[in-house]
Amino acid sequence: MELLKERILREATVINNDVLKLDALINHQVDPMLMQELGKEFARRFKEHSITKVITVESSGIPAAFTTALALGVPLVFARRKKTLIADPDALCERVPSFTKGIVTDIMVSRQFLTEEDSVLFIDDIIANGDAARGLIKIIERSGAKLAGVGILVEKSFQAGARTIREQGIKVESLVKISSLEDGKITFE
């Protein structure tokens, strides 16, 4: 998507050869009009899949997942990263490392929100190594729901995350693919 590429070139910051900071667009400050357009694009790309729910991991994936769910007219479910006092004790859980946060966390989804009747579209903001994505895919599989595909705002194609998911036979649609951040320069595929 040219609109997203333009905004990335204008507002993103290359931290190093592996990390792109998108705080001005999707990770800290969110442009709702941009997110609405991105959600419509995901809805268009997955319209033939009879999606019943959109799912993501909190928190950076929520804006794009919300606008996608809105465009599809279905509920949004997000995997929590922190247990609360009222958390479902029988939730589906998976332990996942976070590339950008440098920590390992548990992600969890209540069984009541993900069932074998569901056809789920997983939306996320960025994919690098794909650990969180693979963790959520395991949760979806254990729930019995059908994974219709994965939509990613920004794929760092020089890292293995999206490739390993595609190798599982899962449809992955990335709106933007970045092939390099070498020397502080963003290079798109």
Protein backbone atom coordinates (compact mmCIF):
# COMPACT_ATOMS: atom_id res chain seq x y z
CA MET A 1 0.00 0.00 0.00
CA GLU A 2 1.54 3.22 -1.18
CA LEU A 3 -0.19 5.30 1.52
CA LEU A 4 1.41 3.25 4.29
CA LYS A 5 4.81 3.27 2.57
CA GLU A 6 4.71 7.07 2.30
CA ARG A 7 3.81 7.45 5.98
CA ILE A 8 6.56 5.04 7.04
CA LEU A 9 9.18 6.95 5.03
CA ARG A 10 7.98 10.24 6.50
CA GLU A 11 7.37 9.26 10.14
CA ALA A 12 9.24 6.05 11.08
CA THR A 13 12.66 5.93 12.67
CA VAL A 14 15.27 3.26 11.97
CA ILE A 15 16.77 2.34 15.35
CA ASN A 16 19.26 -0.18 13.97
CA ASN A 17 19.49 -2.79 11.18
CA ASP A 18 16.75 -4.87 12.86
CA VAL A 19 14.40 -2.40 14.55
CA LEU A 20 12.01 0.13 13.02
CA LYS A 21 10.22 2.52 15.37
CA LEU A 22 6.64 3.23 14.24
CA ASP A 23 5.45 5.10 17.34
CA ALA A 24 4.12 8.08 15.36
CA LEU A 25 1.86 5.80 13.26
CA ILE A 26 0.78 2.63 15.02
CA ASN A 27 2.61 1.82 18.25
CA HIS A 28 2.16 4.84 20.50
CA GLN A 29 0.20 7.42 18.57
CA VAL A 30 -2.41 6.06 16.18
CA ASP A 31 -3.76 7.80 13.10
CA PRO A 32 -7.42 6.63 13.05
CA MET A 33 -8.00 7.64 9.42
CA LEU A 34 -4.95 5.68 8.30
CA MET A 35 -6.03 2.68 10.41
CA GLN A 36 -9.49 2.83 8.88
CA GLU A 37 -8.01 2.58 5.37
CA LEU A 38 -5.72 -0.29 6.41
CA GLY A 39 -8.65 -2.15 7.99
CA LYS A 40 -10.68 -1.76 4.80
CA GLU A 41 -7.77 -3.16 2.80
CA PHE A 42 -7.51 -6.26 5.03
CA ALA A 43 -11.29 -6.72 4.80
CA ARG A 44 -11.04 -6.55 1.01
CA ARG A 45 -8.20 -9.09 0.90
CA PHE A 46 -10.01 -11.59 3.15
CA LYS A 47 -13.66 -10.97 2.16
CA GLU A 48 -14.02 -14.42 0.56
CA HIS A 49 -13.10 -16.28 3.77
CA SER A 50 -16.36 -15.96 5.79
CA ILE A 51 -14.55 -14.42 8.76
CA THR A 52 -16.50 -14.60 12.04
CA LYS A 53 -13.87 -12.95 14.28
CA VAL A 54 -10.72 -10.88 14.02
CA ILE A 55 -8.01 -11.63 16.58
CA THR A 56 -4.78 -9.91 17.60
CA VAL A 57 -2.30 -9.66 20.47
CA GLU A 58 -2.51 -6.65 22.76
CA SER A 59 -1.68 -3.89 22.40
CA SER A 60 -0.14 -2.59 19.18
CA GLY A 61 -2.24 -4.84 16.96
CA ILE A 62 -5.54 -3.59 18.38
CA PRO A 63 -6.09 -0.47 16.22
CA ALA A 64 -5.62 -2.28 12.88
CA ALA A 65 -7.54 -5.32 14.11
CA PHE A 66 -10.40 -3.10 15.32
CA THR A 67 -10.80 -1.30 12.00
CA THR A 68 -10.59 -4.63 10.15
CA ALA A 69 -13.29 -6.13 12.40
CA LEU A 70 -15.40 -3.01 11.87
CA ALA A 71 -15.03 -3.26 8.08
CA LEU A 72 -15.95 -6.96 8.19
CA GLY A 73 -18.79 -6.43 10.69
CA VAL A 74 -17.47 -9.04 13.14
CA PRO A 75 -16.23 -9.02 16.76
CA LEU A 76 -12.62 -8.34 17.70
CA VAL A 77 -10.85 -10.61 20.20
CA PHE A 78 -7.42 -9.81 21.54
CA ALA A 79 -5.00 -12.04 23.39
CA ARG A 80 -4.09 -10.51 26.72
CA ARG A 81 -0.49 -10.31 27.87
CA LYS A 82 -1.26 -9.94 31.56
CA LYS A 83 -3.42 -12.01 33.84
CA THR A 84 -5.99 -10.04 35.79
CA LEU A 85 -7.98 -10.93 38.89
CA ILE A 86 -11.01 -11.67 36.71
CA ALA A 87 -9.11 -13.62 34.03
CA ASP A 88 -10.58 -16.90 32.84
CA PRO A 89 -8.70 -19.61 34.79
CA ASP A 90 -9.28 -21.99 31.87
CA ALA A 91 -7.94 -19.60 29.21
CA LEU A 92 -5.88 -20.85 26.29
CA CYS A 93 -2.29 -19.73 27.01
CA GLU A 94 1.03 -19.73 25.23
CA ARG A 95 4.42 -18.41 26.36
CA VAL A 96 6.07 -16.20 23.72
CA PRO A 97 9.21 -14.07 23.49
CA SER A 98 8.89 -10.48 22.25
CA PHE A 99 11.56 -9.36 19.78
CA THR A 100 11.13 -5.62 20.40
CA LYS A 101 10.45 -5.81 24.15
CA GLY A 102 13.22 -8.32 24.82
CA ILE A 103 11.07 -10.29 27.28
CA VAL A 104 9.02 -13.48 27.44
CA THR A 105 5.32 -13.16 28.25
CA ASP A 106 2.24 -15.32 28.35
CA ILE A 107 -0.56 -14.53 25.92
CA MET A 108 -4.03 -15.78 26.73
CA VAL A 109 -7.48 -15.95 25.16
CA SER A 110 -10.63 -16.96 27.00
CA ARG A 111 -12.11 -20.15 25.58
CA GLN A 112 -15.55 -18.51 25.42
CA PHE A 113 -14.38 -16.08 22.71
CA LEU A 114 -12.78 -18.60 20.36
CA THR A 115 -14.71 -21.70 19.35
CA GLU A 116 -14.65 -24.38 16.67
CA GLU A 117 -17.44 -22.52 14.84
CA ASP A 118 -15.15 -19.54 14.24
CA SER A 119 -13.24 -18.61 11.10
CA VAL A 120 -10.58 -16.27 12.43
CA LEU A 121 -8.50 -13.57 10.79
CA PHE A 122 -5.33 -12.73 12.74
CA ILE A 123 -4.20 -9.10 12.30
CA ASP A 124 -0.95 -7.71 13.68
CA ASP A 125 1.12 -4.56 13.35
CA ILE A 126 4.64 -5.83 12.65
CA ILE A 127 6.14 -9.25 12.12
CA ALA A 128 9.84 -9.82 12.71
CA ASN A 129 10.73 -13.25 14.06
CA GLY A 130 7.09 -14.28 14.35
CA ASP A 131 7.17 -15.68 17.89
CA ALA A 132 4.00 -13.94 19.08
CA ALA A 133 2.23 -14.85 15.83
CA ARG A 134 3.18 -18.52 16.13
CA GLY A 135 2.03 -18.49 19.77
CA LEU A 136 -1.37 -17.06 18.85
CA ILE A 137 -1.69 -19.51 15.96
CA LYS A 138 -1.16 -22.37 18.46
CA ILE A 139 -3.93 -20.93 20.64
CA ILE A 140 -6.26 -20.69 17.63
CA GLU A 141 -5.48 -24.30 16.67
CA ARG A 142 -6.12 -25.56 20.23
CA SER A 143 -9.46 -23.72 20.32
CA GLY A 144 -10.63 -25.66 17.26
CA ALA A 145 -11.27 -22.43 15.33
CA LYS A 146 -10.22 -22.22 11.67
CA LEU A 147 -7.45 -19.74 10.88
CA ALA A 148 -8.45 -18.04 7.63
CA GLY A 149 -5.19 -16.12 7.40
CA VAL A 150 -2.86 -13.52 8.84
CA GLY A 151 -2.81 -9.83 7.95
CA ILE A 152 0.31 -7.84 8.80
CA LEU A 153 0.73 -4.07 8.49
CA VAL A 154 4.53 -4.21 8.20
CA GLU A 155 6.50 -7.35 7.40
CA LYS A 156 10.23 -7.24 7.94
CA SER A 157 10.96 -9.79 5.21
CA PHE A 158 14.65 -9.92 6.10
CA GLN A 159 13.59 -11.71 9.29
CA ALA A 160 12.03 -15.19 9.25
CA GLY A 161 8.64 -14.61 10.92
CA ALA A 162 6.24 -14.34 7.99
CA ARG A 163 8.17 -16.88 5.93
CA THR A 164 7.87 -19.54 8.67
CA ILE A 165 4.11 -18.95 8.88
CA ARG A 166 3.70 -19.16 5.10
CA GLU A 167 5.69 -22.43 5.19
CA GLN A 168 2.91 -23.83 7.43
CA GLY A 169 0.49 -23.30 4.53
CA ILE A 170 -1.12 -20.24 6.15
CA LYS A 171 -2.15 -17.31 3.96
CA VAL A 172 -0.18 -14.20 5.03
CA GLU A 173 -1.07 -10.80 3.55
CA SER A 174 1.38 -8.01 4.37
CA LEU A 175 0.44 -4.46 3.40
CA VAL A 176 4.10 -3.41 3.30
CA LYS A 177 7.24 -5.54 3.12
CA ILE A 178 10.57 -4.10 4.21
CA SER A 179 13.57 -5.96 2.84
CA SER A 180 16.25 -3.98 4.68
CA LEU A 181 16.98 -1.35 7.32
CA GLU A 182 20.71 -1.36 6.55
CA ASP A 183 22.59 1.90 7.13
CA GLY A 184 19.47 3.57 8.51
CA LYS A 185 17.64 3.36 5.17
CA ILE A 186 14.22 1.74 4.74
CA THR A 187 14.12 -0.44 1.63
CA PHE A 188 10.76 -1.83 0.51
CA GLU A 189 10.28 -5.02 -1.52
